[in-house]
């Protein structure tokens, strides 16, 4: 199996909030999607899909460090799902 195919289908959600506070939610999701091999023209669609799936659409433009603890956990889940959801 090719490395890029494997990383596109692998998610990781640690017990602590492994998020970068200076990024906005959408920016961080786009970054992780790009790392996981999502094509440039699909980044926004993929970010929107995962934001909606975890209920964070209304916080997409907010800096991660300004989110509540629960929203940070949802964002961690979104980061774990982003490669998998890119296939749809």
N, C-alpha and C. Protein backbone atom coordinates (compact mmCIF):
# COMPACT_ATOMS: atom_id res chain seq x y z
N UNK A 1 0.84 -1.18 0.00
CA UNK A 1 0.00 0.00 0.00
C UNK A 1 0.89 1.24 0.00
N UNK A 2 0.49 2.24 -0.72
CA UNK A 2 1.23 3.49 -0.77
C UNK A 2 1.03 4.28 0.52
N UNK A 3 2.07 4.96 0.95
CA UNK A 3 2.03 5.74 2.18
C UNK A 3 0.91 6.77 2.14
N UNK A 4 0.74 7.48 1.04
CA UNK A 4 -0.29 8.52 0.96
C UNK A 4 -1.69 7.93 1.09
N UNK A 5 -1.91 6.75 0.56
CA UNK A 5 -3.22 6.11 0.70
C UNK A 5 -3.47 5.68 2.14
N UNK A 6 -2.42 5.20 2.80
CA UNK A 6 -2.56 4.76 4.19
C UNK A 6 -2.84 5.94 5.10
N UNK A 7 -2.13 7.05 4.94
CA UNK A 7 -2.34 8.20 5.81
C UNK A 7 -3.67 8.87 5.56
N UNK A 8 -4.19 8.78 4.36
CA UNK A 8 -5.50 9.37 4.05
C UNK A 8 -6.62 8.64 4.78
N UNK A 9 -6.38 7.41 5.18
CA UNK A 9 -7.42 6.61 5.83
C UNK A 9 -7.16 6.35 7.30
N UNK A 10 -6.18 7.03 7.87
CA UNK A 10 -5.83 6.81 9.26
C UNK A 10 -6.12 8.07 10.07
N UNK A 11 -6.86 7.93 11.14
CA UNK A 11 -7.15 9.06 12.02
C UNK A 11 -6.53 8.82 13.38
N UNK A 12 -6.27 9.89 14.09
CA UNK A 12 -5.69 9.81 15.42
C UNK A 12 -6.37 10.84 16.30
N UNK A 13 -6.96 10.41 17.39
CA UNK A 13 -7.63 11.32 18.32
C UNK A 13 -7.06 11.06 19.72
N UNK A 14 -6.08 11.85 20.15
CA UNK A 14 -5.46 11.62 21.45
C UNK A 14 -6.40 11.96 22.59
N UNK A 15 -6.06 11.55 23.79
CA UNK A 15 -6.89 11.84 24.96
C UNK A 15 -6.83 13.29 25.36
N UNK A 16 -5.77 13.97 25.01
CA UNK A 16 -5.67 15.39 25.29
C UNK A 16 -5.97 16.15 23.99
N UNK A 17 -6.21 17.43 24.10
CA UNK A 17 -6.53 18.23 22.92
C UNK A 17 -5.26 18.61 22.18
N UNK A 18 -4.99 17.91 21.10
CA UNK A 18 -3.78 18.14 20.31
C UNK A 18 -4.09 19.11 19.17
N UNK A 19 -4.40 20.32 19.54
CA UNK A 19 -4.75 21.33 18.54
C UNK A 19 -3.83 22.54 18.69
N UNK A 20 -3.65 23.26 17.61
CA UNK A 20 -2.77 24.42 17.59
C UNK A 20 -3.63 25.67 17.76
N UNK A 21 -3.48 26.35 18.89
CA UNK A 21 -4.36 27.44 19.27
C UNK A 21 -4.38 28.66 18.39
N UNK A 22 -3.29 28.95 17.69
CA UNK A 22 -3.22 30.16 16.88
C UNK A 22 -3.97 30.03 15.55
N UNK A 23 -4.26 28.81 15.14
CA UNK A 23 -5.01 28.60 13.90
C UNK A 23 -6.50 28.81 14.14
N UNK A 24 -7.21 29.16 13.09
CA UNK A 24 -8.67 29.13 13.13
C UNK A 24 -9.07 27.70 12.80
N UNK A 25 -10.27 27.30 13.22
CA UNK A 25 -10.71 25.91 13.04
C UNK A 25 -10.59 25.47 11.59
N UNK A 26 -11.11 26.26 10.66
CA UNK A 26 -11.08 25.89 9.25
C UNK A 26 -9.64 25.77 8.75
N UNK A 27 -8.77 26.67 9.16
CA UNK A 27 -7.36 26.62 8.73
C UNK A 27 -6.70 25.33 9.19
N UNK A 28 -6.95 24.95 10.42
CA UNK A 28 -6.33 23.74 10.96
C UNK A 28 -6.85 22.50 10.24
N UNK A 29 -8.14 22.47 9.96
CA UNK A 29 -8.71 21.34 9.23
C UNK A 29 -8.14 21.25 7.82
N UNK A 30 -7.98 22.39 7.15
CA UNK A 30 -7.40 22.41 5.81
C UNK A 30 -5.95 21.90 5.85
N UNK A 31 -5.20 22.30 6.87
CA UNK A 31 -3.82 21.86 7.02
C UNK A 31 -3.76 20.34 7.18
N UNK A 32 -4.57 19.79 8.07
CA UNK A 32 -4.56 18.35 8.30
C UNK A 32 -5.05 17.59 7.07
N UNK A 33 -6.03 18.15 6.37
CA UNK A 33 -6.52 17.51 5.15
C UNK A 33 -5.40 17.46 4.11
N UNK A 34 -4.67 18.53 3.99
CA UNK A 34 -3.57 18.58 3.02
C UNK A 34 -2.48 17.57 3.38
N UNK A 35 -2.17 17.47 4.67
CA UNK A 35 -1.19 16.48 5.13
C UNK A 35 -1.65 15.07 4.80
N UNK A 36 -2.95 14.83 4.89
CA UNK A 36 -3.50 13.51 4.62
C UNK A 36 -3.73 13.24 3.14
N UNK A 37 -3.33 14.17 2.29
CA UNK A 37 -3.38 13.91 0.86
C UNK A 37 -4.60 14.40 0.12
N UNK A 38 -5.43 15.21 0.75
CA UNK A 38 -6.60 15.77 0.07
C UNK A 38 -6.11 16.80 -0.95
N UNK A 39 -6.67 16.73 -2.15
CA UNK A 39 -6.29 17.65 -3.22
C UNK A 39 -6.70 19.09 -2.87
N UNK A 40 -5.96 20.05 -3.37
CA UNK A 40 -6.19 21.48 -3.07
C UNK A 40 -7.61 21.92 -3.37
N UNK A 41 -8.15 21.46 -4.48
CA UNK A 41 -9.50 21.89 -4.87
C UNK A 41 -10.60 21.26 -4.02
N UNK A 42 -10.26 20.32 -3.15
CA UNK A 42 -11.24 19.65 -2.28
C UNK A 42 -11.14 20.09 -0.82
N UNK A 43 -10.19 20.95 -0.48
CA UNK A 43 -9.95 21.31 0.92
C UNK A 43 -11.15 21.97 1.58
N UNK A 44 -11.75 22.94 0.92
CA UNK A 44 -12.89 23.64 1.53
C UNK A 44 -14.09 22.71 1.70
N UNK A 45 -14.37 21.90 0.69
CA UNK A 45 -15.50 20.98 0.78
C UNK A 45 -15.28 19.98 1.91
N UNK A 46 -14.08 19.48 2.03
CA UNK A 46 -13.74 18.52 3.07
C UNK A 46 -13.86 19.15 4.45
N UNK A 47 -13.34 20.37 4.61
CA UNK A 47 -13.42 21.08 5.89
C UNK A 47 -14.88 21.33 6.26
N UNK A 48 -15.70 21.76 5.31
CA UNK A 48 -17.12 22.00 5.57
C UNK A 48 -17.83 20.72 6.00
N UNK A 49 -17.52 19.64 5.33
CA UNK A 49 -18.15 18.36 5.63
C UNK A 49 -17.85 17.91 7.06
N UNK A 50 -16.60 17.99 7.46
CA UNK A 50 -16.22 17.53 8.80
C UNK A 50 -16.70 18.51 9.87
N UNK A 51 -16.70 19.81 9.58
CA UNK A 51 -17.24 20.79 10.54
C UNK A 51 -18.71 20.52 10.81
N UNK A 52 -19.45 20.22 9.76
CA UNK A 52 -20.86 19.91 9.92
C UNK A 52 -21.06 18.59 10.68
N UNK A 53 -20.23 17.60 10.38
CA UNK A 53 -20.36 16.28 11.01
C UNK A 53 -20.17 16.34 12.52
N UNK A 54 -19.30 17.23 13.00
CA UNK A 54 -19.05 17.31 14.44
C UNK A 54 -19.74 18.51 15.09
N UNK A 55 -20.53 19.24 14.34
CA UNK A 55 -21.30 20.35 14.90
C UNK A 55 -20.49 21.59 15.22
N UNK A 56 -19.49 21.89 14.41
CA UNK A 56 -18.65 23.06 14.66
C UNK A 56 -18.74 24.12 13.56
N UNK A 57 -19.73 24.03 12.70
CA UNK A 57 -19.84 24.96 11.58
C UNK A 57 -19.83 26.40 12.04
N UNK A 58 -20.54 26.69 13.11
CA UNK A 58 -20.64 28.07 13.58
C UNK A 58 -19.33 28.60 14.16
N UNK A 59 -18.39 27.72 14.44
CA UNK A 59 -17.10 28.12 15.01
C UNK A 59 -15.95 28.06 13.99
N UNK A 60 -16.26 27.87 12.74
CA UNK A 60 -15.22 27.64 11.73
C UNK A 60 -14.21 28.78 11.62
N UNK A 61 -14.62 30.00 11.88
CA UNK A 61 -13.72 31.14 11.78
C UNK A 61 -13.10 31.56 13.10
N UNK A 62 -13.37 30.82 14.15
CA UNK A 62 -12.86 31.16 15.48
C UNK A 62 -11.50 30.52 15.72
N UNK A 63 -10.64 31.24 16.42
CA UNK A 63 -9.34 30.66 16.79
C UNK A 63 -9.56 29.50 17.75
N UNK A 64 -8.75 28.49 17.58
CA UNK A 64 -8.87 27.27 18.38
C UNK A 64 -8.71 27.59 19.86
N UNK A 65 -7.79 28.49 20.21
CA UNK A 65 -7.56 28.78 21.63
C UNK A 65 -8.77 29.45 22.29
N UNK A 66 -9.72 29.97 21.50
CA UNK A 66 -10.91 30.60 22.05
C UNK A 66 -12.07 29.63 22.23
N UNK A 67 -11.89 28.38 21.81
CA UNK A 67 -12.96 27.39 21.93
C UNK A 67 -13.07 26.86 23.35
N UNK A 68 -14.26 26.41 23.71
CA UNK A 68 -14.43 25.74 25.00
C UNK A 68 -13.76 24.37 24.96
N UNK A 69 -13.61 23.75 26.11
CA UNK A 69 -12.99 22.43 26.16
C UNK A 69 -13.74 21.39 25.34
N UNK A 70 -15.06 21.43 25.39
CA UNK A 70 -15.87 20.49 24.61
C UNK A 70 -15.72 20.69 23.12
N UNK A 71 -15.66 21.93 22.70
CA UNK A 71 -15.47 22.21 21.27
C UNK A 71 -14.08 21.81 20.81
N UNK A 72 -13.09 21.94 21.68
CA UNK A 72 -11.74 21.49 21.32
C UNK A 72 -11.72 19.97 21.14
N UNK A 73 -12.48 19.25 21.96
CA UNK A 73 -12.57 17.80 21.81
C UNK A 73 -13.24 17.45 20.49
N UNK A 74 -14.30 18.18 20.14
CA UNK A 74 -14.96 17.94 18.86
C UNK A 74 -14.02 18.24 17.69
N UNK A 75 -13.21 19.28 17.84
CA UNK A 75 -12.24 19.60 16.80
C UNK A 75 -11.20 18.49 16.68
N UNK A 76 -10.77 17.94 17.80
CA UNK A 76 -9.83 16.81 17.77
C UNK A 76 -10.44 15.63 17.01
N UNK A 77 -11.71 15.37 17.24
CA UNK A 77 -12.41 14.32 16.50
C UNK A 77 -12.46 14.66 15.01
N UNK A 78 -12.75 15.91 14.70
CA UNK A 78 -12.80 16.34 13.29
C UNK A 78 -11.44 16.13 12.61
N UNK A 79 -10.36 16.42 13.32
CA UNK A 79 -9.02 16.24 12.76
C UNK A 79 -8.75 14.76 12.50
N UNK A 80 -9.27 13.90 13.37
CA UNK A 80 -9.08 12.46 13.18
C UNK A 80 -9.90 11.95 11.99
N UNK A 81 -11.04 12.57 11.74
CA UNK A 81 -11.93 12.11 10.68
C UNK A 81 -11.62 12.71 9.31
N UNK A 82 -10.88 13.77 9.25
CA UNK A 82 -10.78 14.54 8.01
C UNK A 82 -10.28 13.74 6.81
N UNK A 83 -9.33 12.86 6.98
CA UNK A 83 -8.86 12.05 5.86
C UNK A 83 -9.90 11.06 5.39
N UNK A 84 -10.62 10.48 6.32
CA UNK A 84 -11.64 9.49 5.98
C UNK A 84 -12.82 10.16 5.27
N UNK A 85 -13.27 11.29 5.77
CA UNK A 85 -14.41 11.97 5.17
C UNK A 85 -14.10 12.55 3.80
N UNK A 86 -12.84 12.74 3.49
CA UNK A 86 -12.46 13.31 2.20
C UNK A 86 -12.87 12.39 1.05
N UNK A 87 -13.11 11.13 1.33
CA UNK A 87 -13.47 10.19 0.27
C UNK A 87 -14.89 10.36 -0.19
N UNK A 88 -15.73 11.10 0.53
CA UNK A 88 -17.15 11.21 0.18
C UNK A 88 -17.47 12.48 -0.55
